[in-house]
């Protein structure tokens, strides 16, 4: 594993990774906490690339198309990871799958062929798990098999990892065969965090008298946070049904607030989320800052992969690469 000049197996902290379609760094920051050192992070959108540089100036961030990346330059990395674009499989789109020019699974396979990583982790939307795409999923597994990897898909609910929203994600993990035998997704740990629990400190920080009562009303897991796209959707919490679900939690989903409620805010006020609150709902740490103006920043947050989910899976992968189970963080659960 890795590229140790001594030929010895690297220490846990020295595992290496390359991440494609890195976005605002949700997956990258989670994998970092799991012990993976990023040799490259690829992101085509300038605001998201700026977020990566803002938080980790030491990272090698390539702002450009993944098609321009030469995998041979990273031969022998421990992990190739990424959140390949979801429009080809999203229920909100036309679900063209392999016929969609935005489908970057072929590019991920190319990079695997060139870089020959020990493990691969790719995440996508729940739509890819549908029966409609069964042949597509099978073709991906066949390609990995031909390259000497065993692989498996799993549908996971982010709420199972302490993230205060549902956010189902469909994850592919592949490894060279001798390591995949030691990999397991884990079992349900049953621990969830509600919106009220996660956001009470932020709602109460400026002295809002209604914060405690609000947190009781919001004592449930939220619907999936919706980030929108450059063509559709702005800085709000999604379509009508999503806004109604947020309203039931005591949240005004019609926009993003510039500031949290304060001491002058009426107790019965229905607040909007701030960018920082939205990032908390997504599972980002308070230290991770999002670059860009409100709409661009919110899209980065809303389209991110929750860091706690990435960390939990990363620990499982790390454990398999080192020949042991990682049970200290984030036991996994299949959704549905």
Protein backbone atom coordinates (compact mmCIF):
# COMPACT_ATOMS: atom_id res chain seq x y z
CA UNK A 1 0.00 0.00 0.00
CA UNK A 2 1.05 3.58 -0.51
CA UNK A 3 4.45 4.42 -1.94
CA UNK A 4 6.83 3.93 0.96
CA UNK A 5 10.44 3.92 -0.30
CA UNK A 6 11.37 1.47 2.45
CA UNK A 7 8.90 -1.08 1.19
CA UNK A 8 7.27 -1.28 4.61
CA UNK A 9 3.54 -0.92 5.09
CA UNK A 10 2.84 2.76 5.90
CA UNK A 11 1.43 3.84 9.24
CA UNK A 12 -2.31 4.53 9.41
CA UNK A 13 -1.81 8.29 9.21
CA UNK A 14 0.19 7.94 5.98
CA UNK A 15 -2.47 6.37 3.78
CA UNK A 16 -2.74 8.31 0.55
CA UNK A 17 -5.74 9.32 -1.54
CA UNK A 18 -6.79 11.12 -4.68
CA UNK A 19 -10.26 12.61 -4.80
CA UNK A 20 -12.20 13.55 -7.92
CA UNK A 21 -15.29 15.78 -8.04
CA UNK A 22 -14.34 16.94 -4.56
CA UNK A 23 -16.92 19.72 -4.28
CA UNK A 24 -16.77 21.65 -1.00
CA UNK A 25 -14.73 18.93 0.67
CA UNK A 26 -17.37 16.91 2.51
CA UNK A 27 -15.93 13.58 1.50
CA UNK A 28 -12.35 14.86 1.58
CA UNK A 29 -12.59 16.22 5.13
CA UNK A 30 -14.25 13.03 6.35
CA UNK A 31 -11.58 10.85 4.76
CA UNK A 32 -8.92 13.10 6.24
CA UNK A 33 -10.34 12.38 9.70
CA UNK A 34 -10.22 8.69 8.84
CA UNK A 35 -6.49 8.92 8.25
CA UNK A 36 -6.14 9.56 4.51
CA UNK A 37 -3.67 12.15 3.24
CA UNK A 38 -4.78 13.79 -0.02
CA UNK A 39 -2.23 13.85 -2.78
CA UNK A 40 -4.72 15.50 -5.15
CA UNK A 41 -8.23 16.97 -4.98
CA UNK A 42 -9.95 17.63 -8.31
CA UNK A 43 -12.82 20.11 -8.60
CA UNK A 44 -14.05 21.92 -11.70
CA UNK A 45 -16.23 24.60 -10.04
CA UNK A 46 -14.20 27.68 -8.97
CA UNK A 47 -16.16 28.42 -5.74
CA UNK A 48 -15.75 24.86 -4.50
CA UNK A 49 -12.08 24.76 -5.46
CA UNK A 50 -11.65 28.00 -3.52
CA UNK A 51 -13.28 26.35 -0.49
CA UNK A 52 -10.79 23.48 -0.65
CA UNK A 53 -7.84 25.88 -0.80
CA UNK A 54 -9.29 28.05 1.99
CA UNK A 55 -9.51 25.14 4.40
CA UNK A 56 -6.50 23.11 3.32
CA UNK A 57 -3.92 25.35 1.61
CA UNK A 58 -1.43 22.48 1.80
CA UNK A 59 -3.55 20.28 -0.47
CA UNK A 60 -2.77 19.93 -4.15
CA UNK A 61 -6.06 21.23 -5.63
CA UNK A 62 -6.54 20.89 -9.37
CA UNK A 63 -9.24 23.26 -10.56
CA UNK A 64 -10.34 21.68 -13.80
CA UNK A 65 -11.94 18.72 -15.56
CA UNK A 66 -11.21 15.25 -14.22
CA UNK A 67 -10.70 14.19 -17.83
CA UNK A 68 -7.44 16.15 -17.76
CA UNK A 69 -5.99 14.19 -14.83
CA UNK A 70 -3.27 11.62 -15.58
CA UNK A 71 -3.79 8.74 -13.19
CA UNK A 72 -0.32 7.36 -13.90
CA UNK A 73 1.14 10.28 -11.94
CA UNK A 74 -0.48 8.84 -8.82
CA UNK A 75 0.34 5.18 -9.36
CA UNK A 76 0.06 3.15 -6.19
CA UNK A 77 -2.14 5.40 -4.06
CA UNK A 78 -4.14 3.73 -1.32
CA UNK A 79 -7.55 5.21 -2.19
CA UNK A 80 -9.26 6.79 -5.17
CA UNK A 81 -12.43 8.54 -3.96
CA UNK A 82 -15.03 10.86 -5.37
CA UNK A 83 -18.61 11.97 -5.65
CA UNK A 84 -19.23 11.55 -9.36
CA UNK A 85 -22.00 13.87 -10.68
CA UNK A 86 -25.52 12.79 -9.76
CA UNK A 87 -27.66 14.29 -12.62
CA UNK A 88 -27.45 11.14 -14.77
CA UNK A 89 -29.19 9.19 -11.98
CA UNK A 90 -31.15 11.78 -10.00
CA UNK A 91 -34.93 11.55 -9.86
CA UNK A 92 -34.93 15.32 -10.37
CA UNK A 93 -33.30 14.89 -13.78
CA UNK A 94 -33.94 12.87 -16.92
CA UNK A 95 -32.11 9.80 -15.57
CA UNK A 96 -30.14 9.21 -18.73
CA UNK A 97 -27.46 7.23 -16.90
CA UNK A 98 -24.65 6.18 -19.22
CA UNK A 99 -26.18 8.26 -22.01
CA UNK A 100 -25.64 11.46 -20.03
CA UNK A 101 -22.44 13.31 -20.92
CA UNK A 102 -22.08 14.22 -17.24
CA UNK A 103 -21.65 10.55 -16.26
CA UNK A 104 -18.08 10.39 -14.99
CA UNK A 105 -18.00 6.76 -13.90
CA UNK A 106 -16.00 5.94 -17.07
CA UNK A 107 -13.41 8.53 -16.03
CA UNK A 108 -13.24 7.02 -12.55
CA UNK A 109 -12.64 3.60 -14.11
CA UNK A 110 -9.92 5.11 -16.31
CA UNK A 111 -8.17 6.55 -13.28
CA UNK A 112 -8.39 3.20 -11.51
CA UNK A 113 -6.82 1.55 -14.54
CA UNK A 114 -4.00 4.13 -14.58
CA UNK A 115 -3.37 4.74 -10.87
CA UNK A 116 -4.05 1.17 -9.67
CA UNK A 117 -5.21 2.26 -6.18
CA UNK A 118 -5.59 -0.34 -3.47
CA UNK A 119 -9.16 0.81 -2.78
CA UNK A 120 -11.89 2.87 -4.42
CA UNK A 121 -14.84 4.72 -2.89
CA UNK A 122 -17.43 6.44 -5.09
CA UNK A 123 -20.70 7.96 -3.90
CA UNK A 124 -23.85 8.92 -5.74
CA UNK A 125 -27.56 9.56 -5.28
CA UNK A 126 -30.21 7.02 -4.30
CA UNK A 127 -31.52 6.96 -7.88
CA UNK A 128 -28.56 4.87 -9.02
CA UNK A 129 -29.85 2.08 -6.74
CA UNK A 130 -33.11 1.78 -8.70
CA UNK A 131 -33.95 -1.26 -10.81
CA UNK A 132 -33.71 0.89 -13.92
CA UNK A 133 -29.95 1.11 -13.50
CA UNK A 134 -29.29 -2.52 -12.53
CA UNK A 135 -27.56 -3.28 -15.86
CA UNK A 136 -25.41 -0.16 -15.47
CA UNK A 137 -24.37 -1.15 -11.94
CA UNK A 138 -23.57 -4.65 -13.14
CA UNK A 139 -21.37 -3.27 -15.92
CA UNK A 140 -19.40 -1.22 -13.39
CA UNK A 141 -18.81 -4.28 -11.21
CA UNK A 142 -17.70 -6.25 -14.27
CA UNK A 143 -15.16 -3.55 -15.14
CA UNK A 144 -13.74 -3.61 -11.64
CA UNK A 145 -13.57 -7.39 -11.74
CA UNK A 146 -11.60 -7.25 -14.98
CA UNK A 147 -9.13 -4.90 -13.29
CA UNK A 148 -8.61 -7.26 -10.36
CA UNK A 149 -10.96 -5.68 -7.83
CA UNK A 150 -13.89 -7.00 -5.85
CA UNK A 151 -16.63 -4.41 -5.29
CA UNK A 152 -20.00 -3.87 -3.69
CA UNK A 153 -22.73 -1.22 -3.61
CA UNK A 154 -24.58 -0.09 -0.48
CA UNK A 155 -27.44 2.34 0.08
CA UNK A 156 -26.86 4.27 3.31
CA UNK A 157 -28.89 6.82 5.26
CA UNK A 158 -26.78 9.71 6.51
CA UNK A 159 -28.96 9.92 9.64
CA UNK A 160 -27.42 6.61 10.77
CA UNK A 161 -24.12 8.46 11.21
CA UNK A 162 -25.35 11.28 13.42
CA UNK A 163 -26.14 13.62 10.51
CA UNK A 164 -29.48 15.37 11.28
CA UNK A 165 -31.03 14.67 7.87
CA UNK A 166 -32.00 11.58 5.88
CA UNK A 167 -29.76 12.09 2.84
CA UNK A 168 -29.57 8.57 1.38
CA UNK A 169 -26.37 7.96 -0.58
CA UNK A 170 -25.45 5.02 -2.80
CA UNK A 171 -21.84 4.02 -2.18
CA UNK A 172 -19.47 1.84 -4.18
CA UNK A 173 -16.44 0.38 -2.42
CA UNK A 174 -13.92 -1.64 -4.42
CA UNK A 175 -10.60 -3.13 -3.34
CA UNK A 176 -7.93 -5.41 -4.66
CA UNK A 177 -9.20 -8.86 -3.86
CA UNK A 178 -6.94 -9.73 -0.93
CA UNK A 179 -8.08 -6.60 0.90
CA UNK A 180 -11.76 -6.71 0.03
CA UNK A 181 -12.02 -10.02 1.88
CA UNK A 182 -11.37 -8.06 5.07
CA UNK A 183 -13.86 -5.27 4.35
CA UNK A 184 -17.33 -5.13 5.87
CA UNK A 185 -19.94 -2.41 5.82
CA UNK A 186 -20.71 -2.93 9.49
CA UNK A 187 -23.99 -2.96 11.35
CA UNK A 188 -26.54 -0.41 12.48
CA UNK A 189 -25.59 1.61 15.54
CA UNK A 190 -29.00 3.29 15.91
CA UNK A 191 -27.59 6.70 16.88
CA UNK A 192 -29.23 9.71 15.29
CA UNK A 193 -29.09 13.45 15.85
CA UNK A 194 -32.14 15.68 15.41
CA UNK A 195 -32.24 19.13 13.86
CA UNK A 196 -33.19 20.61 17.23
CA UNK A 197 -30.19 19.01 18.94
CA UNK A 198 -27.76 20.00 16.21
CA UNK A 199 -28.89 23.61 15.81
CA UNK A 200 -29.95 24.66 19.31
CA UNK A 201 -26.53 26.18 20.14
CA UNK A 202 -26.60 28.30 16.97
CA UNK A 203 -30.24 29.32 17.44
CA UNK A 204 -29.58 30.37 21.05
CA UNK A 205 -26.18 32.01 20.50
CA UNK A 206 -27.54 35.56 20.06
CA UNK A 207 -30.01 35.38 22.93
CA UNK A 208 -33.19 34.34 21.08
CA UNK A 209 -35.83 33.60 23.71
CA UNK A 210 -37.62 31.11 21.48
CA UNK A 211 -34.62 28.83 20.94
CA UNK A 212 -35.52 26.14 23.49
CA UNK A 213 -39.14 25.86 22.34
CA UNK A 214 -37.97 25.81 18.73
CA UNK A 215 -35.54 22.95 19.43
CA UNK A 216 -38.37 20.86 20.89
CA UNK A 217 -40.44 21.38 17.75
CA UNK A 218 -37.42 20.51 15.61
CA UNK A 219 -36.71 17.31 17.52
CA UNK A 220 -36.68 15.15 14.38
CA UNK A 221 -34.35 14.25 11.55
CA UNK A 222 -34.70 16.64 8.61
CA UNK A 223 -35.51 15.79 5.01
CA UNK A 224 -32.58 15.76 2.63
CA UNK A 225 -30.99 19.17 2.24
CA UNK A 226 -31.29 20.26 -1.41
CA UNK A 227 -28.50 22.28 -2.95
CA UNK A 228 -29.93 23.06 -6.36
CA UNK A 229 -27.89 23.51 -9.52
CA UNK A 230 -26.51 26.38 -11.55
CA UNK A 231 -29.57 26.23 -13.81
CA UNK A 232 -32.28 25.51 -11.25
CA UNK A 233 -32.78 26.49 -7.65
CA UNK A 234 -31.29 29.19 -5.50
CA UNK A 235 -30.38 29.61 -1.86
CA UNK A 236 -33.47 27.95 -0.39
CA UNK A 237 -34.32 24.52 0.98
CA UNK A 238 -35.76 23.03 -2.17
CA UNK A 239 -39.12 22.41 -3.86
CA UNK A 240 -42.54 22.89 -2.26
CA UNK A 241 -42.65 19.47 -0.57
CA UNK A 242 -39.23 19.95 0.99
CA UNK A 243 -40.13 23.43 2.23
CA UNK A 244 -43.30 22.02 3.83
CA UNK A 245 -41.27 19.35 5.63
CA UNK A 246 -38.86 21.98 6.92
CA UNK A 247 -41.77 24.16 8.04
CA UNK A 248 -43.05 21.26 10.15
CA UNK A 249 -39.69 21.46 11.94
CA UNK A 250 -40.12 25.19 12.53
CA UNK A 251 -37.81 26.27 9.71
CA UNK A 252 -38.68 28.76 6.98
CA UNK A 253 -37.26 27.11 3.87
CA UNK A 254 -37.85 30.02 1.48
CA UNK A 255 -34.33 31.32 1.76
CA UNK A 256 -31.09 31.43 3.73
CA UNK A 257 -30.70 33.97 6.52
CA UNK A 258 -27.71 36.28 6.89
CA UNK A 259 -27.85 36.06 10.69
CA UNK A 260 -29.26 33.83 13.42
CA UNK A 261 -32.24 34.99 15.52
CA UNK A 262 -31.21 37.39 18.29
CA UNK A 263 -32.43 38.84 21.55
CA UNK A 264 -34.88 41.12 19.73
CA UNK A 265 -36.41 38.30 17.66
CA UNK A 266 -39.97 37.36 18.74
CA UNK A 267 -40.17 34.03 20.54
CA UNK A 268 -42.67 32.64 18.01
CA UNK A 269 -40.54 33.58 15.00
CA UNK A 270 -40.02 30.86 12.37
CA UNK A 271 -36.33 31.19 11.51
CA UNK A 272 -34.46 30.49 8.31
CA UNK A 273 -31.20 28.58 8.38
CA UNK A 274 -27.95 30.48 8.02
CA UNK A 275 -25.15 29.09 5.86
CA UNK A 276 -23.38 27.87 9.01
CA UNK A 277 -26.56 26.14 10.18
CA UNK A 278 -27.00 24.45 6.81
CA UNK A 279 -23.38 23.27 7.00
CA UNK A 280 -24.10 21.81 10.46
CA UNK A 281 -27.13 19.95 9.08
CA UNK A 282 -24.81 18.56 6.42
CA UNK A 283 -22.33 17.36 9.04
CA UNK A 284 -19.50 19.82 8.44
CA UNK A 285 -17.41 20.82 11.45
CA UNK A 286 -17.60 24.42 12.65
CA UNK A 287 -14.00 24.95 11.55
CA UNK A 288 -14.73 24.14 7.88
CA UNK A 289 -15.49 27.38 6.03
CA UNK A 290 -17.35 27.69 2.73
CA UNK A 291 -16.07 30.19 0.17
CA UNK A 292 -18.23 32.33 -2.12
CA UNK A 293 -21.38 34.44 -2.11
CA UNK A 294 -24.56 33.14 -0.51
CA UNK A 295 -26.06 31.20 -3.43
CA UNK A 296 -22.75 29.67 -4.53
CA UNK A 297 -21.87 28.79 -0.93
CA UNK A 298 -25.24 27.22 -0.26
CA UNK A 299 -25.04 25.09 -3.40
CA UNK A 300 -21.69 23.77 -2.22
CA UNK A 301 -23.17 22.87 1.15
CA UNK A 302 -26.40 21.39 -0.19
CA UNK A 303 -24.63 19.20 -2.75
CA UNK A 304 -21.95 17.91 -0.37
CA UNK A 305 -21.35 14.40 0.90
CA UNK A 306 -21.71 14.47 4.71
CA UNK A 307 -18.23 14.26 6.29
CA UNK A 308 -19.31 11.85 9.10
CA UNK A 309 -20.48 9.30 6.51
CA UNK A 310 -17.21 9.59 4.58
CA UNK A 311 -15.24 9.23 7.80
CA UNK A 312 -17.11 6.09 8.86
CA UNK A 313 -16.65 4.36 5.51
CA UNK A 314 -13.05 5.57 5.37
CA UNK A 315 -12.38 3.91 8.71
CA UNK A 316 -13.82 0.66 7.41
CA UNK A 317 -11.61 0.87 4.33
CA UNK A 318 -8.58 1.74 6.44
CA UNK A 319 -9.28 -1.23 8.66
CA UNK A 320 -9.45 -3.60 5.69
CA UNK A 321 -6.19 -2.24 4.28
CA UNK A 322 -4.51 -2.88 7.61
CA UNK A 323 -6.14 -6.28 8.09
CA UNK A 324 -8.46 -5.40 10.95
CA UNK A 325 -11.97 -4.12 11.59
CA UNK A 326 -12.46 -0.47 12.48
CA UNK A 327 -15.31 -0.33 14.97
CA UNK A 328 -14.61 2.88 16.89
CA UNK A 329 -16.56 5.21 14.62
CA UNK A 330 -19.61 5.02 12.40
CA UNK A 331 -21.03 1.54 12.13
CA UNK A 332 -22.87 1.32 8.86
CA UNK A 333 -26.47 0.61 8.03
CA UNK A 334 -28.21 -0.14 4.77
CA UNK A 335 -31.19 2.07 4.11
CA UNK A 336 -34.45 0.69 2.89
